[in-house]
Amino acid sequence: MAIILKDRPRRIDIPGDILVLDGDFCLEVLAGASCRTSKRLESEGLPFVMVAGCKYRPLNAGRAWLANRITRRNQPQDRLRA
């Protein structure tokens, strides 16, 4: 017999990070993007973990992943070595 938790925790503290529900992560970190967008970003490396059938995202690791995607214009390219 499975127990269904209607009042699942919105945040789970883990050492060094906080897991937040996928919907909360979308609102807080992805500027209100849909969960469908976050699912697409998973294929590009956005971290997640499933806990008791619910998708949670690490807050600090997700923010770091997003920050690493920032691009800057007019940056000199690395020179190719022959």
C-alpha atoms as a PDB file:
ATOM      1  CA  MET A   1       0.000   0.000   0.000  1.00  0.00           C
ATOM      2  CA  ALA A   2       1.539   3.298  -1.112  1.00  0.00           C
ATOM      3  CA  ILE A   3       1.306   6.384   1.036  1.00  0.00           C
ATOM      4  CA  ILE A   4       0.591   9.549  -0.927  1.00  0.00           C
ATOM      5  CA  LEU A   5       1.922  12.722   0.665  1.00  0.00           C
ATOM      6  CA  LYS A   6      -0.146  15.743  -0.252  1.00  0.00           C
ATOM      7  CA  ASP A   7       1.932  18.047   1.927  1.00  0.00           C
ATOM      8  CA  ARG A   8       5.360  17.350   0.513  1.00  0.00           C
ATOM      9  CA  PRO A   9       8.154  19.648   1.676  1.00  0.00           C
ATOM     10  CA  ARG A  10       8.867  22.570  -0.647  1.00  0.00           C
ATOM     11  CA  ARG A  11      12.535  22.646   0.437  1.00  0.00           C
ATOM     12  CA  ILE A  12      14.897  19.944   1.645  1.00  0.00           C
ATOM     13  CA  ASP A  13      18.172  20.924   3.304  1.00  0.00           C
ATOM     14  CA  ILE A  14      21.161  18.833   2.245  1.00  0.00           C
ATOM     15  CA  PRO A  15      24.829  19.454   3.102  1.00  0.00           C
ATOM     16  CA  GLY A  16      26.027  22.404   1.028  1.00  0.00           C
ATOM     17  CA  ASP A  17      22.764  23.052  -0.826  1.00  0.00           C
ATOM     18  CA  ILE A  18      18.981  23.225  -0.646  1.00  0.00           C
ATOM     19  CA  LEU A  19      16.643  21.153  -2.815  1.00  0.00           C
ATOM     20  CA  VAL A  20      13.543  23.030  -4.001  1.00  0.00           C
ATOM     21  CA  LEU A  21      10.537  21.760  -5.916  1.00  0.00           C
ATOM     22  CA  ASP A  22      10.840  22.111  -9.687  1.00  0.00           C
ATOM     23  CA  GLY A  23       8.004  24.643  -9.909  1.00  0.00           C
ATOM     24  CA  ASP A  24       9.524  26.813  -7.191  1.00  0.00           C
ATOM     25  CA  PHE A  25      12.913  26.645  -8.916  1.00  0.00           C
ATOM     26  CA  CYS A  26      11.335  27.821 -12.169  1.00  0.00           C
ATOM     27  CA  LEU A  27       9.705  30.783 -10.457  1.00  0.00           C
ATOM     28  CA  GLU A  28      12.701  31.741  -8.335  1.00  0.00           C
ATOM     29  CA  VAL A  29      15.727  31.036 -10.554  1.00  0.00           C
ATOM     30  CA  LEU A  30      14.432  30.779 -14.115  1.00  0.00           C
ATOM     31  CA  ALA A  31      12.439  34.043 -13.942  1.00  0.00           C
ATOM     32  CA  GLY A  32       9.035  32.382 -14.006  1.00  0.00           C
ATOM     33  CA  ALA A  33       9.784  29.993 -16.875  1.00  0.00           C
ATOM     34  CA  SER A  34       7.546  26.967 -17.230  1.00  0.00           C
ATOM     35  CA  CYS A  35       8.385  23.492 -16.001  1.00  0.00           C
ATOM     36  CA  ARG A  36       8.501  22.485 -19.658  1.00  0.00           C
ATOM     37  CA  THR A  37      11.427  24.880 -20.138  1.00  0.00           C
ATOM     38  CA  SER A  38      13.252  23.396 -17.162  1.00  0.00           C
ATOM     39  CA  LYS A  39      12.724  19.919 -18.615  1.00  0.00           C
ATOM     40  CA  ARG A  40      14.308  21.085 -21.884  1.00  0.00           C
ATOM     41  CA  LEU A  41      17.244  22.560 -19.967  1.00  0.00           C
ATOM     42  CA  GLU A  42      17.819  19.172 -18.292  1.00  0.00           C
ATOM     43  CA  SER A  43      19.147  17.847 -21.606  1.00  0.00           C
ATOM     44  CA  GLU A  44      21.674  20.714 -21.511  1.00  0.00           C
ATOM     45  CA  GLY A  45      22.788  19.834 -17.984  1.00  0.00           C
ATOM     46  CA  LEU A  46      20.420  21.494 -15.493  1.00  0.00           C
ATOM     47  CA  PRO A  47      20.721  19.334 -12.343  1.00  0.00           C
ATOM     48  CA  PHE A  48      17.773  17.629 -10.650  1.00  0.00           C
ATOM     49  CA  VAL A  49      16.978  14.790  -8.285  1.00  0.00           C
ATOM     50  CA  MET A  50      13.811  12.734  -7.821  1.00  0.00           C
ATOM     51  CA  VAL A  51      12.709  12.276  -4.209  1.00  0.00           C
ATOM     52  CA  ALA A  52       9.606  10.194  -3.504  1.00  0.00           C
ATOM     53  CA  GLY A  53       8.323  10.758  -7.032  1.00  0.00           C
ATOM     54  CA  CYS A  54       8.776  14.558  -6.950  1.00  0.00           C
ATOM     55  CA  LYS A  55      11.377  16.484  -8.907  1.00  0.00           C
ATOM     56  CA  TYR A  56      13.631  18.713  -6.856  1.00  0.00           C
ATOM     57  CA  ARG A  57      16.435  20.958  -8.057  1.00  0.00           C
ATOM     58  CA  PRO A  58      19.520  21.970  -6.053  1.00  0.00           C
ATOM     59  CA  LEU A  59      19.298  25.735  -5.603  1.00  0.00           C
ATOM     60  CA  ASN A  60      23.005  26.620  -5.462  1.00  0.00           C
ATOM     61  CA  ALA A  61      24.085  24.105  -8.114  1.00  0.00           C
ATOM     62  CA  GLY A  62      21.249  25.216 -10.406  1.00  0.00           C
ATOM     63  CA  ARG A  63      22.228  28.871 -10.032  1.00  0.00           C
ATOM     64  CA  ALA A  64      25.875  28.002 -10.718  1.00  0.00           C
ATOM     65  CA  TRP A  65      24.857  26.049 -13.830  1.00  0.00           C
ATOM     66  CA  LEU A  66      22.821  29.013 -15.060  1.00  0.00           C
ATOM     67  CA  ALA A  67      25.698  31.447 -14.379  1.00  0.00           C
ATOM     68  CA  ASN A  68      28.067  29.261 -16.432  1.00  0.00           C
ATOM     69  CA  ARG A  69      25.796  29.729 -19.459  1.00  0.00           C
ATOM     70  CA  ILE A  70      26.378  33.491 -19.582  1.00  0.00           C
ATOM     71  CA  THR A  71      28.039  34.528 -22.830  1.00  0.00           C
ATOM     72  CA  ARG A  72      29.825  37.753 -23.560  1.00  0.00           C
ATOM     73  CA  ARG A  73      30.069  39.480 -26.915  1.00  0.00           C
ATOM     74  CA  ASN A  74      33.320  40.484 -28.597  1.00  0.00           C
ATOM     75  CA  GLN A  75      35.528  38.231 -26.539  1.00  0.00           C
ATOM     76  CA  PRO A  76      38.791  37.299 -28.267  1.00  0.00           C
ATOM     77  CA  GLN A  77      38.790  33.700 -29.385  1.00  0.00           C
ATOM     78  CA  ASP A  78      41.469  31.311 -28.215  1.00  0.00           C
ATOM     79  CA  ARG A  79      44.232  31.022 -30.756  1.00  0.00           C
ATOM     80  CA  LEU A  80      44.544  27.653 -32.410  1.00  0.00           C
ATOM     81  CA  ARG A  81      47.919  26.013 -32.067  1.00  0.00           C
ATOM     82  CA  ALA A  82      49.282  24.031 -34.941  1.00  0.00           C
END
